[in-house]
Amino acid sequence: MKILHINDQAGVACILAKFQEKQGVESKVIAIADKYGIKEYYKNNVIFVDKENFYSASLNESASYDIIYIYTVLMH
């Protein structure tokens, strides 16, 4: 089974991907680098993309995964 996390909020997707990998499940996070270095810390589980290519890269990458989680932010 392969799991893809699209985007990441507060490092949650990175933590999930790390422990899913430890359980034998291939798991990656597709994300843009953050200023706090969270994604860099979990870089073994992260696919870094440019902001301009985020949506197309997510769509292309998701074609080869079984489960896809999408993390969003609501702005007021």
C-alpha atoms as a PDB file:
ATOM      1  CA  MET A   1       0.000   0.000   0.000  1.00  0.00           C
ATOM      2  CA  LYS A   2       1.186   3.532  -0.798  1.00  0.00           C
ATOM      3  CA  ILE A   3      -0.045   6.662   0.993  1.00  0.00           C
ATOM      4  CA  LEU A   4       0.423  10.241  -0.196  1.00  0.00           C
ATOM      5  CA  HIS A   5      -0.177  13.256   2.046  1.00  0.00           C
ATOM      6  CA  ILE A   6      -0.768  16.428   0.055  1.00  0.00           C
ATOM      7  CA  ASN A   7       0.367  19.516   1.973  1.00  0.00           C
ATOM      8  CA  ASP A   8       1.137  19.544   5.682  1.00  0.00           C
ATOM      9  CA  GLN A   9      -0.253  21.464   8.635  1.00  0.00           C
ATOM     10  CA  ALA A  10       1.994  21.910  11.686  1.00  0.00           C
ATOM     11  CA  GLY A  11       4.049  18.824  10.799  1.00  0.00           C
ATOM     12  CA  VAL A  12       1.148  16.404  11.242  1.00  0.00           C
ATOM     13  CA  ALA A  13       1.449  14.796   7.802  1.00  0.00           C
ATOM     14  CA  CYS A  14       5.222  14.424   8.229  1.00  0.00           C
ATOM     15  CA  ILE A  15       4.806  12.665  11.569  1.00  0.00           C
ATOM     16  CA  LEU A  16       2.131  10.345  10.171  1.00  0.00           C
ATOM     17  CA  ALA A  17       4.279   9.510   7.135  1.00  0.00           C
ATOM     18  CA  LYS A  18       7.302   8.754   9.330  1.00  0.00           C
ATOM     19  CA  PHE A  19       5.406   6.274  11.491  1.00  0.00           C
ATOM     20  CA  GLN A  20       3.510   4.744   8.556  1.00  0.00           C
ATOM     21  CA  GLU A  21       6.917   3.987   7.008  1.00  0.00           C
ATOM     22  CA  LYS A  22       8.010   2.321  10.271  1.00  0.00           C
ATOM     23  CA  GLN A  23       4.941   0.068   9.973  1.00  0.00           C
ATOM     24  CA  GLY A  24       5.988  -0.976   6.475  1.00  0.00           C
ATOM     25  CA  VAL A  25       3.681   1.301   4.479  1.00  0.00           C
ATOM     26  CA  GLU A  26       5.260   3.480   1.794  1.00  0.00           C
ATOM     27  CA  SER A  27       4.218   6.999   2.749  1.00  0.00           C
ATOM     28  CA  LYS A  28       5.261  10.404   1.401  1.00  0.00           C
ATOM     29  CA  VAL A  29       4.299  14.044   1.900  1.00  0.00           C
ATOM     30  CA  ILE A  30       4.271  16.391  -1.074  1.00  0.00           C
ATOM     31  CA  ALA A  31       4.834  19.927   0.170  1.00  0.00           C
ATOM     32  CA  ILE A  32       6.477  23.309  -0.212  1.00  0.00           C
ATOM     33  CA  ALA A  33       9.411  24.043   2.138  1.00  0.00           C
ATOM     34  CA  ASP A  34       8.416  25.926   5.292  1.00  0.00           C
ATOM     35  CA  LYS A  35      10.266  28.635   7.198  1.00  0.00           C
ATOM     36  CA  TYR A  36      10.366  26.580  10.420  1.00  0.00           C
ATOM     37  CA  GLY A  37      12.256  23.625   8.952  1.00  0.00           C
ATOM     38  CA  ILE A  38       9.670  20.995   9.874  1.00  0.00           C
ATOM     39  CA  LYS A  39       9.617  19.444   6.423  1.00  0.00           C
ATOM     40  CA  GLU A  40      13.409  19.588   6.177  1.00  0.00           C
ATOM     41  CA  TYR A  41      13.633  17.619   9.438  1.00  0.00           C
ATOM     42  CA  TYR A  42      11.408  14.885   7.962  1.00  0.00           C
ATOM     43  CA  LYS A  43      13.023  15.150   4.505  1.00  0.00           C
ATOM     44  CA  ASN A  44      13.202  11.368   4.035  1.00  0.00           C
ATOM     45  CA  ASN A  45       9.417  11.339   3.774  1.00  0.00           C
ATOM     46  CA  VAL A  46       8.910  14.618   1.895  1.00  0.00           C
ATOM     47  CA  ILE A  47       8.749  15.352  -1.822  1.00  0.00           C
ATOM     48  CA  PHE A  48       9.596  19.054  -2.123  1.00  0.00           C
ATOM     49  CA  VAL A  49       7.958  21.056  -4.908  1.00  0.00           C
ATOM     50  CA  ASP A  50       7.929  24.715  -5.895  1.00  0.00           C
ATOM     51  CA  LYS A  51       4.893  26.798  -5.024  1.00  0.00           C
ATOM     52  CA  GLU A  52       4.217  27.411  -8.723  1.00  0.00           C
ATOM     53  CA  ASN A  53       4.138  23.662  -9.492  1.00  0.00           C
ATOM     54  CA  PHE A  54       2.388  22.434  -6.344  1.00  0.00           C
ATOM     55  CA  TYR A  55      -1.000  21.565  -7.870  1.00  0.00           C
ATOM     56  CA  SER A  56       0.303  19.917 -11.025  1.00  0.00           C
ATOM     57  CA  ALA A  57       2.980  18.008  -9.093  1.00  0.00           C
ATOM     58  CA  SER A  58       0.373  16.798  -6.580  1.00  0.00           C
ATOM     59  CA  LEU A  59      -1.907  15.613  -9.357  1.00  0.00           C
ATOM     60  CA  ASN A  60       0.889  13.832 -11.220  1.00  0.00           C
ATOM     61  CA  GLU A  61       2.328  12.222  -8.088  1.00  0.00           C
ATOM     62  CA  SER A  62      -1.070  11.049  -6.776  1.00  0.00           C
ATOM     63  CA  ALA A  63      -1.597   8.762  -9.777  1.00  0.00           C
ATOM     64  CA  SER A  64       0.717   6.132  -8.283  1.00  0.00           C
ATOM     65  CA  TYR A  65      -0.689   6.059  -4.723  1.00  0.00           C
ATOM     66  CA  ASP A  66      -3.498   3.999  -3.185  1.00  0.00           C
ATOM     67  CA  ILE A  67      -4.611   6.440  -0.472  1.00  0.00           C
ATOM     68  CA  ILE A  68      -4.380  10.226  -0.673  1.00  0.00           C
ATOM     69  CA  TYR A  69      -4.861  12.613   2.249  1.00  0.00           C
ATOM     70  CA  ILE A  70      -5.350  16.295   1.437  1.00  0.00           C
ATOM     71  CA  TYR A  71      -4.672  18.862   4.156  1.00  0.00           C
ATOM     72  CA  THR A  72      -6.209  22.316   3.740  1.00  0.00           C
ATOM     73  CA  VAL A  73      -6.282  25.609   5.614  1.00  0.00           C
ATOM     74  CA  LEU A  74      -9.393  27.712   5.980  1.00  0.00           C
ATOM     75  CA  MET A  75      -8.689  31.438   5.815  1.00  0.00           C
ATOM     76  CA  HIS A  76     -11.143  33.959   7.234  1.00  0.00           C
END
